[in-house]
Amino acid sequence: MTSSKKDVSLQRNVRYLTIESHNYSSINHLFMKHLLVLTYLTLISIQVQAQNIFPVLTIDSTEVGKSVSSLEYARVETLIKKELALAKRQKKPTASLEQLLKSCNYGKSLLRNTDKVVVVDSTVVPKSEFLAAYMFSPEVGSIEMDLEGQSTSYTSERGNQTIRVRPTNDSILALQMLYNDKGTQNTSAPKFIEGLGIKGDVNYPFMMMDGITLYFAGINEEGLGNYDLYVTRFNAESNSFYPAENLGFPYNSYANDYLLVIDEINNVGWFASDRYQPAGMVCIYTFIPNASRHPIDFENTAPALVNEWASLRPIRSTWTAENEPQRIAVRQRLALQSASNDKSKKKDFELVINDLYTYTNISDFRNPQARELCKEWIQKQKNHDTLSEQLETLRSTFASSNRTKQNSMRQQILDLEKRIEQLAREITQAEKEIRKSELQR
């Protein structure tokens, strides 16, 4: 999720790439250096490690690097073909160059089919808090952090279907689906979703309200590099999902692009990307979903404008006078939805985290450890309240009892008082540990 994912179709699923700038005497030597590095990384990039959920990619500042990061696939293709011709004349192996040419052609094909989508707004937030920027209606379902904040899980509004992320035996992240019978509280055994055609990690699932259309992020051999957004649909006849389709530009880039959510009630969508962002930050793009894909008129559009639409740099390039009423309407609906969410949010407790944040619900926490500590804190509070009620009852009974009964009750009251005092100290200490854990996320 970093730099210009556009040209990373040349680098596929590269989890980490840093290419130093060098002063070579000729463009051939320079480009061959890039090709060798990119070919090597292409071969190893499929060995995805689940523990590095957000791979980092850095494009260098050389001529080739700039061409890749600027989506100038035609220029890169020309350079590759020159190297191919030279390799053939010198009778050198050409397999790696041919593979890179194939990757370049893949990027070109996605560029030609860039979806002409209206991006209403973009908000940059810390990655650990990115879910707060998704202001969808309850009918969409619920999305929660998973795998210690390195993924998300989706649950339908009815609560009968959950899609989560779990590593397979070979440590590749994959989607698991579970069904819950709310009448009996029985949950089905989790079953991995197969047949998506993704060779690397699969993450950040979201199911449309139709229960058929599934969006997710994946790292694939045939992709733009890092996490790309994909869509698939459920085939009821075969009881399986179709092979996933890369959403292409502008949803994807050289960086990590993930968690696409569509609120059909408000006709608005979101997706996250760390393109152009510093470490630890992510941009949430808010867009108006098209009823069907609406490719740009590639042949009759200036290349510079194509690149702006494909890279969303700037998002203003997607605005026109004609779609201004739509953009205004979306902003109004989102404002109403945000107010509705705040009003309907259940207040389970009140815990001051710092001068800026006061949490009132377990879902407010972004740090999994802090969330678990909070659950323990809540239980201690309940125990404290229960024992305090018991103590008040005992004291009331003590006051109206004779001396013999009072003598028998005295030790019980003292023990309760000590336990309540101990719990009060534990509650205070727990609050400190919760704050410390949450603020370290």
Protein backbone atom coordinates (compact mmCIF):
# COMPACT_ATOMS: atom_id res chain seq x y z
CA MET A 1 0.00 0.00 0.00
CA THR A 2 2.52 2.74 -0.86
CA SER A 3 3.93 4.55 -4.01
CA SER A 4 2.52 4.07 -7.54
CA LYS A 5 0.85 0.73 -7.91
CA LYS A 6 0.11 1.37 -11.48
CA ASP A 7 3.35 0.04 -12.78
CA VAL A 8 3.69 -2.53 -10.18
CA SER A 9 1.92 -4.79 -12.60
CA LEU A 10 5.55 -5.23 -13.54
CA GLN A 11 6.19 -6.34 -9.99
CA ARG A 12 3.08 -8.32 -9.32
CA ASN A 13 2.57 -9.17 -5.71
CA VAL A 14 5.85 -7.74 -4.49
CA ARG A 15 5.60 -7.57 -0.69
CA TYR A 16 8.64 -5.40 -0.25
CA LEU A 17 10.71 -3.58 -2.84
CA THR A 18 13.34 -0.90 -2.61
CA ILE A 19 15.42 -0.12 -5.68
CA GLU A 20 18.29 2.26 -5.23
CA SER A 21 18.98 4.94 -7.81
CA HIS A 22 22.20 4.43 -9.74
CA ASN A 23 23.98 6.42 -12.41
CA TYR A 24 24.46 4.02 -15.27
CA SER A 25 26.14 5.01 -18.47
CA SER A 26 23.31 3.77 -20.65
CA ILE A 27 19.57 3.29 -20.37
CA ASN A 28 20.07 -0.36 -21.38
CA HIS A 29 22.23 -1.11 -18.37
CA LEU A 30 19.86 0.80 -16.12
CA PHE A 31 16.77 -0.94 -17.38
CA MET A 32 18.37 -4.38 -17.29
CA LYS A 33 19.23 -3.76 -13.66
CA HIS A 34 15.56 -3.08 -12.97
CA LEU A 35 14.41 -6.06 -14.95
CA LEU A 36 16.68 -8.45 -13.09
CA VAL A 37 15.52 -7.17 -9.72
CA LEU A 38 11.85 -7.16 -10.69
CA THR A 39 12.06 -10.64 -12.17
CA TYR A 40 13.59 -12.01 -9.00
CA LEU A 41 10.96 -10.34 -6.85
CA THR A 42 8.18 -11.59 -9.10
CA LEU A 43 9.36 -15.16 -8.52
CA ILE A 44 9.50 -14.88 -4.74
CA SER A 45 6.48 -12.64 -4.22
CA ILE A 46 3.99 -15.52 -4.24
CA GLN A 47 5.49 -16.83 -1.00
CA VAL A 48 3.25 -14.56 1.07
CA GLN A 49 3.77 -14.37 4.81
CA ALA A 50 0.63 -13.84 6.88
CA GLN A 51 2.45 -11.88 9.55
CA ASN A 52 3.30 -8.99 7.18
CA ILE A 53 -0.20 -7.86 6.35
CA PHE A 54 0.73 -4.44 5.01
CA PRO A 55 3.65 -4.87 2.61
CA VAL A 56 5.65 -1.79 1.72
CA LEU A 57 6.63 -0.87 -1.78
CA THR A 58 8.92 1.97 -2.82
CA ILE A 59 9.44 3.04 -6.43
CA ASP A 60 12.76 4.69 -7.21
CA SER A 61 13.25 8.06 -8.93
CA THR A 62 14.98 6.82 -12.06
CA GLU A 63 13.52 7.15 -15.56
CA VAL A 64 12.13 3.62 -15.56
CA GLY A 65 10.77 3.93 -12.04
CA LYS A 66 8.96 7.14 -12.94
CA SER A 67 7.49 5.54 -16.06
CA VAL A 68 6.14 2.66 -14.01
CA SER A 69 4.72 4.83 -11.23
CA SER A 70 3.12 7.18 -13.77
CA LEU A 71 1.26 4.34 -15.53
CA GLU A 72 3.23 4.96 -18.71
CA TYR A 73 2.87 1.35 -19.83
CA ALA A 74 3.42 2.14 -23.50
CA ARG A 75 6.84 3.62 -22.71
CA VAL A 76 7.81 0.71 -20.46
CA GLU A 77 6.66 -1.74 -23.14
CA THR A 78 8.95 -0.04 -25.67
CA LEU A 79 11.92 -0.34 -23.31
CA ILE A 80 11.19 -4.02 -22.66
CA LYS A 81 10.94 -4.77 -26.39
CA LYS A 82 14.30 -3.11 -26.98
CA GLU A 83 15.86 -5.31 -24.33
CA LEU A 84 14.17 -8.37 -25.82
CA ALA A 85 15.60 -7.62 -29.25
CA LEU A 86 19.06 -7.10 -27.76
CA ALA A 87 18.84 -10.34 -25.76
CA LYS A 88 17.84 -12.29 -28.85
CA ARG A 89 20.72 -10.85 -30.88
CA GLN A 90 23.12 -11.79 -28.12
CA LYS A 91 21.42 -15.18 -27.75
CA LYS A 92 20.65 -14.60 -24.09
CA PRO A 93 17.66 -16.03 -22.15
CA THR A 94 14.46 -14.05 -22.74
CA ALA A 95 11.94 -15.82 -20.47
CA SER A 96 12.07 -13.16 -17.74
CA LEU A 97 11.72 -10.32 -20.25
CA GLU A 98 8.78 -12.04 -21.89
CA GLN A 99 7.09 -12.44 -18.50
CA LEU A 100 7.62 -8.76 -17.75
CA LEU A 101 6.17 -7.85 -21.13
CA LYS A 102 3.12 -9.94 -20.28
CA SER A 103 2.81 -8.09 -16.97
CA CYS A 104 3.11 -4.75 -18.73
CA ASN A 105 0.35 -5.74 -21.18
CA TYR A 106 -1.85 -6.70 -18.23
CA GLY A 107 -1.39 -3.24 -16.73
CA LYS A 108 -2.18 -1.65 -20.10
CA SER A 109 -5.38 -3.65 -20.43
CA LEU A 110 -6.53 -2.54 -16.96
CA LEU A 111 -5.69 1.06 -17.80
CA ARG A 112 -7.78 0.94 -20.98
CA ASN A 113 -10.74 -0.27 -18.91
CA THR A 114 -10.48 2.23 -16.07
CA ASP A 115 -13.88 2.56 -14.41
CA LYS A 116 -15.19 6.11 -14.70
CA VAL A 117 -16.36 6.42 -11.11
CA VAL A 118 -17.20 9.59 -9.20
CA VAL A 119 -15.08 9.92 -6.06
CA VAL A 120 -16.92 12.26 -3.70
CA ASP A 121 -14.29 12.66 -1.02
CA SER A 122 -11.11 11.26 0.50
CA THR A 123 -10.08 11.18 4.14
CA VAL A 124 -6.63 10.33 5.51
CA VAL A 125 -6.71 8.53 8.86
CA PRO A 126 -4.40 6.28 10.92
CA LYS A 127 -4.56 2.69 9.66
CA SER A 128 -5.48 1.52 13.14
CA GLU A 129 -8.66 3.66 13.02
CA PHE A 130 -9.67 3.38 9.37
CA LEU A 131 -12.99 1.62 10.05
CA ALA A 132 -14.35 4.77 11.70
CA ALA A 133 -14.44 6.45 8.26
CA TYR A 134 -16.97 3.92 6.92
CA MET A 135 -20.36 5.46 7.78
CA PHE A 136 -22.71 2.86 6.33
CA SER A 137 -26.27 2.04 7.38
CA PRO A 138 -27.01 -0.93 9.72
CA GLU A 139 -28.66 -2.85 6.88
CA VAL A 140 -25.21 -3.31 5.32
CA GLY A 141 -24.11 -5.53 8.23
CA SER A 142 -21.18 -5.10 10.58
CA ILE A 143 -17.41 -5.04 10.06
CA GLU A 144 -14.93 -5.57 12.87
CA MET A 145 -11.17 -5.71 13.24
CA ASP A 146 -9.79 -9.23 13.22
CA LEU A 147 -6.42 -11.00 13.61
CA GLU A 148 -5.13 -8.44 16.10
CA GLY A 149 -6.05 -5.52 13.86
CA GLN A 150 -4.47 -6.99 10.72
CA SER A 151 -7.72 -7.87 9.01
CA THR A 152 -11.48 -7.42 9.20
CA SER A 153 -14.43 -9.78 9.48
CA TYR A 154 -17.89 -9.22 8.02
CA THR A 155 -21.24 -10.26 9.53
CA SER A 156 -24.58 -9.84 7.78
CA GLU A 157 -27.28 -7.66 9.32
CA ARG A 158 -29.28 -10.70 10.42
CA GLY A 159 -26.17 -12.17 11.98
CA ASN A 160 -26.65 -15.45 10.17
CA GLN A 161 -23.50 -15.23 8.03
CA THR A 162 -19.94 -14.32 8.94
CA ILE A 163 -16.90 -14.13 6.67
CA ARG A 164 -13.56 -13.97 8.42
CA VAL A 165 -9.87 -14.36 7.57
CA ARG A 166 -7.72 -17.23 8.79
CA PRO A 167 -4.33 -18.65 7.69
CA THR A 168 -4.28 -21.96 5.85
CA ASN A 169 -1.81 -24.75 6.60
CA ASP A 170 0.80 -23.05 4.40
CA SER A 171 0.34 -19.69 6.23
CA ILE A 172 -1.53 -18.06 3.37
CA LEU A 173 -4.48 -15.95 4.53
CA ALA A 174 -7.82 -17.14 3.19
CA LEU A 175 -11.53 -16.45 3.69
CA GLN A 176 -13.66 -18.63 5.94
CA MET A 177 -17.45 -18.59 5.92
CA LEU A 178 -19.61 -19.49 8.92
CA TYR A 179 -23.38 -19.74 9.22
CA ASN A 180 -25.24 -19.12 12.45
CA ASP A 181 -28.78 -20.33 13.17
CA LYS A 182 -29.98 -17.57 15.47
CA GLY A 183 -32.94 -19.69 16.52
CA THR A 184 -30.79 -22.45 17.98
CA GLN A 185 -27.54 -20.48 18.41
CA ASN A 186 -25.78 -23.21 16.41
CA THR A 187 -22.82 -22.10 14.32
CA SER A 188 -21.66 -24.17 11.37
CA ALA A 189 -18.10 -25.40 11.08
CA PRO A 190 -15.98 -22.73 9.33
CA LYS A 191 -15.37 -23.56 5.68
CA PHE A 192 -12.66 -22.01 3.52
CA ILE A 193 -13.88 -20.29 0.36
CA GLU A 194 -12.13 -21.93 -2.60
CA GLY A 195 -11.90 -21.35 -6.32
CA LEU A 196 -11.15 -17.60 -6.21
CA GLY A 197 -7.98 -18.01 -8.28
CA ILE A 198 -5.77 -15.99 -5.90
CA LYS A 199 -2.34 -17.45 -5.11
CA GLY A 200 -1.42 -15.12 -2.24
CA ASP A 201 -3.21 -13.67 0.78
CA VAL A 202 -6.95 -13.05 0.64
CA ASN A 203 -8.24 -10.50 3.13
CA TYR A 204 -10.82 -7.79 4.00
CA PRO A 205 -14.11 -9.42 2.88
CA PHE A 206 -17.42 -7.66 2.28
CA MET A 207 -20.65 -9.26 1.08
CA MET A 208 -23.31 -7.20 -0.67
CA MET A 209 -26.88 -7.29 0.64
CA ASP A 210 -27.79 -9.74 -2.15
CA GLY A 211 -25.71 -12.39 -0.36
CA ILE A 212 -24.09 -13.23 -3.71
CA THR A 213 -21.58 -10.51 -4.56
CA LEU A 214 -18.37 -10.70 -2.55
CA TYR A 215 -15.61 -8.08 -2.55
CA PHE A 216 -12.21 -8.71 -1.01
CA ALA A 217 -8.53 -7.78 -1.23
CA GLY A 218 -5.93 -10.22 -2.48
CA ILE A 219 -2.30 -10.52 -3.47
CA ASN A 220 -2.07 -12.40 -6.72
CA GLU A 221 0.54 -13.44 -9.25
CA GLU A 222 -1.51 -11.66 -11.90
CA GLY A 223 -2.16 -8.32 -10.25
CA LEU A 224 -0.83 -4.81 -9.84
CA GLY A 225 1.20 -5.63 -6.75
CA ASN A 226 0.46 -5.71 -3.02
CA TYR A 227 -3.24 -5.92 -2.11
CA ASP A 228 -5.63 -5.45 -5.04
CA LEU A 229 -9.42 -5.31 -4.81
CA TYR A 230 -11.37 -8.17 -6.39
CA VAL A 231 -15.01 -9.14 -6.87
CA THR A 232 -16.62 -12.55 -7.22
CA ARG A 233 -20.14 -13.94 -7.14
CA PHE A 234 -21.71 -17.02 -5.66
CA ASN A 235 -22.89 -19.73 -8.04
CA ALA A 236 -25.92 -21.34 -6.40
CA GLU A 237 -25.92 -24.26 -8.84
CA SER A 238 -22.41 -25.38 -7.96
CA ASN A 239 -22.55 -24.02 -4.40
CA SER A 240 -19.23 -22.23 -4.98
CA PHE A 241 -17.80 -18.87 -5.97
CA TYR A 242 -16.67 -17.93 -9.47
CA PRO A 243 -12.99 -17.04 -10.05
CA ALA A 244 -12.45 -13.47 -8.85
CA GLU A 245 -12.08 -10.48 -11.15
CA ASN A 246 -9.54 -7.71 -10.53
CA LEU A 247 -11.41 -4.39 -10.21
CA GLY A 248 -8.57 -2.58 -11.95
CA PHE A 249 -8.23 1.20 -11.92
CA PRO A 250 -9.00 3.43 -10.09
CA TYR A 251 -9.77 1.07 -7.20
CA ASN A 252 -6.31 -0.49 -7.40
CA SER A 253 -2.84 0.97 -7.52
CA TYR A 254 0.82 0.13 -6.92
CA ALA A 255 0.01 0.19 -3.19
CA ASN A 256 -2.31 -1.74 -0.86
CA ASP A 257 -5.99 -1.28 -1.70
CA TYR A 258 -8.54 -3.04 0.46
CA LEU A 259 -11.98 -3.25 2.16
CA LEU A 260 -14.38 -2.05 -0.49
CA VAL A 261 -17.85 -1.55 1.03
CA ILE A 262 -21.04 -0.51 -0.76
CA ASP A 263 -24.07 0.86 1.08
CA GLU A 264 -26.96 0.27 -1.32
CA ILE A 265 -29.38 2.12 0.97
CA ASN A 266 -27.46 5.39 0.57
CA ASN A 267 -25.87 4.55 -2.81
CA VAL A 268 -22.35 5.22 -1.60
CA GLY A 269 -19.18 3.16 -1.36
CA TRP A 270 -15.77 3.27 0.32
CA PHE A 271 -12.40 1.65 -0.14
CA ALA A 272 -9.07 2.09 1.62
CA SER A 273 -5.66 2.67 0.05
CA ASP A 274 -2.24 3.67 1.31
CA ARG A 275 -1.21 5.09 -2.07
CA TYR A 276 0.61 8.40 -1.65
CA GLN A 277 0.44 8.06 2.15
CA PRO A 278 3.18 8.07 4.80
CA ALA A 279 3.75 5.00 6.95
CA GLY A 280 0.89 4.26 9.34
CA MET A 281 -1.69 6.29 7.43
CA VAL A 282 -4.38 5.28 4.95
CA CYS A 283 -6.73 7.18 2.66
CA ILE A 284 -10.44 6.28 2.61
CA TYR A 285 -12.03 7.11 -0.74
CA THR A 286 -15.80 7.73 -0.78
CA PHE A 287 -17.38 7.09 -4.18
CA ILE A 288 -20.71 6.74 -5.97
CA PRO A 289 -21.06 3.13 -7.18
CA ASN A 290 -21.93 2.56 -10.82
CA ALA A 291 -24.83 0.19 -11.52
CA SER A 292 -22.45 -1.53 -13.93
CA ARG A 293 -18.86 -0.90 -14.95
CA HIS A 294 -18.50 2.33 -16.94
CA PRO A 295 -15.12 2.23 -18.73
CA ILE A 296 -13.59 5.50 -19.88
CA ASP A 297 -13.44 6.32 -23.59
CA PHE A 298 -9.76 5.45 -23.74
CA GLU A 299 -9.24 6.16 -27.44
CA ASN A 300 -10.75 9.65 -27.31
CA THR A 301 -9.43 10.79 -23.94
CA ALA A 302 -6.16 12.64 -23.38
CA PRO A 303 -3.55 10.33 -21.77
CA ALA A 304 -2.98 12.82 -18.95
CA LEU A 305 -6.69 12.74 -18.05
CA VAL A 306 -6.74 8.93 -18.25
CA ASN A 307 -3.91 8.80 -15.75
CA GLU A 308 -5.68 11.23 -13.44
CA TRP A 309 -8.86 9.14 -13.44
CA ALA A 310 -6.92 5.89 -13.02
CA SER A 311 -4.74 7.15 -10.18
CA LEU A 312 -7.31 9.46 -8.50
CA ARG A 313 -4.73 12.16 -8.43
CA PRO A 314 -6.54 14.44 -7.96
CA ILE A 315 -10.01 13.09 -7.11
CA ARG A 316 -11.37 16.36 -8.48
CA SER A 317 -10.68 14.99 -11.97
CA THR A 318 -13.74 12.74 -11.50
CA TRP A 319 -16.02 15.74 -10.85
CA THR A 320 -18.19 17.39 -13.47
CA ALA A 321 -20.99 19.93 -13.41
CA GLU A 322 -23.38 17.09 -14.29
CA ASN A 323 -22.48 14.93 -11.29
CA GLU A 324 -22.36 17.81 -8.79
CA PRO A 325 -25.98 17.22 -7.60
CA GLN A 326 -25.12 13.56 -6.97
CA ARG A 327 -22.06 14.50 -4.94
CA ILE A 328 -24.02 16.98 -2.86
CA ALA A 329 -26.77 14.43 -2.25
CA VAL A 330 -24.24 11.80 -1.11
CA ARG A 331 -22.65 14.22 1.36
CA GLN A 332 -26.08 15.06 2.76
CA ARG A 333 -27.02 11.39 3.15
CA LEU A 334 -23.71 10.64 4.85
CA ALA A 335 -24.23 13.50 7.29
CA LEU A 336 -27.66 12.12 8.18
CA GLN A 337 -26.27 8.58 8.47
CA SER A 338 -23.47 9.73 10.75
CA ALA A 339 -25.97 11.51 13.02
CA SER A 340 -28.20 8.42 13.03
CA ASN A 341 -25.28 6.13 13.91
CA ASP A 342 -24.27 8.38 16.81
CA LYS A 343 -27.83 8.54 18.12
CA SER A 344 -28.48 4.81 17.93
CA LYS A 345 -25.13 3.75 19.30
CA LYS A 346 -25.61 1.87 22.54
CA LYS A 347 -23.65 3.33 25.46
CA ASP A 348 -22.37 0.36 27.47
CA PHE A 349 -19.92 2.30 29.63
CA GLU A 350 -17.90 5.50 29.70
CA LEU A 351 -14.11 5.33 29.79
CA VAL A 352 -11.92 8.37 29.18
CA ILE A 353 -8.92 7.35 27.05
CA ASN A 354 -7.35 10.79 26.71
CA ASP A 355 -8.36 14.43 26.16
CA LEU A 356 -9.67 13.57 22.70
CA TYR A 357 -11.40 10.20 23.11
CA THR A 358 -14.01 8.81 25.49
CA TYR A 359 -15.09 5.25 24.67
CA THR A 360 -18.59 3.97 25.33
CA ASN A 361 -18.56 0.61 23.58
CA ILE A 362 -16.20 -2.35 23.11
CA SER A 363 -16.23 -1.74 19.35
CA ASP A 364 -14.55 1.65 19.94
CA PHE A 365 -11.27 -0.10 20.71
CA ARG A 366 -8.76 -0.64 17.90
CA ASN A 367 -6.18 -2.52 19.97
CA PRO A 368 -7.25 -6.17 20.54
CA GLN A 369 -5.35 -6.37 23.84
CA ALA A 370 -7.05 -3.21 25.11
CA ARG A 371 -10.39 -4.67 24.05
CA GLU A 372 -9.80 -7.79 26.16
CA LEU A 373 -8.59 -5.71 29.11
CA CYS A 374 -11.77 -3.66 28.83
CA LYS A 375 -13.91 -6.79 29.05
CA GLU A 376 -12.12 -7.73 32.27
CA TRP A 377 -12.59 -4.16 33.54
CA ILE A 378 -16.33 -4.34 32.81
CA GLN A 379 -16.58 -7.62 34.74
CA LYS A 380 -14.75 -6.11 37.70
CA GLN A 381 -17.18 -3.19 37.63
CA LYS A 382 -20.12 -5.59 37.68
CA ASN A 383 -18.59 -7.54 40.56
CA HIS A 384 -17.96 -4.30 42.44
CA ASP A 385 -21.58 -3.19 41.97
CA THR A 386 -22.95 -6.58 43.01
CA LEU A 387 -20.84 -6.75 46.17
CA SER A 388 -21.69 -3.12 47.01
CA GLU A 389 -25.40 -3.97 46.85
CA GLN A 390 -24.82 -6.99 49.08
CA LEU A 391 -22.92 -4.82 51.55
CA GLU A 392 -25.73 -2.26 51.71
CA THR A 393 -28.24 -5.04 52.33
CA LEU A 394 -26.09 -6.49 55.11
CA ARG A 395 -25.60 -3.09 56.74
CA SER A 396 -29.35 -2.48 56.67
CA THR A 397 -30.01 -5.88 58.23
CA PHE A 398 -27.22 -5.31 60.76
CA ALA A 399 -28.80 -2.07 61.97
CA SER A 400 -32.13 -3.77 62.77
CA SER A 401 -30.68 -6.98 64.26
CA ASN A 402 -29.98 -7.93 67.87
CA ARG A 403 -26.46 -8.03 69.27
CA THR A 404 -26.03 -11.79 68.78
CA LYS A 405 -26.88 -11.59 65.10
CA GLN A 406 -24.76 -8.48 64.69
CA ASN A 407 -21.76 -10.32 66.09
CA SER A 408 -22.25 -13.10 63.54
CA MET A 409 -22.59 -10.59 60.69
CA ARG A 410 -19.68 -8.31 61.63
CA GLN A 411 -16.89 -10.40 60.05
CA GLN A 412 -18.92 -10.92 56.88
CA ILE A 413 -19.34 -7.16 56.53
CA LEU A 414 -15.63 -6.55 57.13
CA ASP A 415 -14.67 -9.15 54.51
CA LEU A 416 -17.02 -7.58 51.98
CA GLU A 417 -15.63 -4.11 52.66
CA LYS A 418 -12.06 -5.36 52.10
CA ARG A 419 -13.04 -7.12 48.88
CA ILE A 420 -14.83 -4.03 47.57
CA GLU A 421 -11.82 -1.84 48.37
CA GLN A 422 -9.54 -4.32 46.59
CA LEU A 423 -11.82 -4.36 43.55
CA ALA A 424 -11.82 -0.54 43.45
CA ARG A 425 -8.01 -0.55 43.33
CA GLU A 426 -8.03 -3.22 40.62
CA ILE A 427 -10.55 -1.21 38.57
CA THR A 428 -8.40 1.91 38.77
CA GLN A 429 -5.30 -0.06 37.74
CA ALA A 430 -7.21 -1.75 34.92
CA GLU A 431 -8.25 1.65 33.53
CA LYS A 432 -4.60 2.70 33.40
CA GLU A 433 -3.59 -0.50 31.61
CA ILE A 434 -6.44 -0.14 29.10
CA ARG A 435 -5.42 3.42 28.22
CA LYS A 436 -1.76 2.49 27.92
CA SER A 437 -2.53 -0.48 25.68
CA GLU A 438 -4.96 1.41 23.42
CA LEU A 439 -2.68 4.40 22.95
CA GLN A 440 0.25 2.16 21.98
CA ARG A 441 -1.63 0.66 18.99
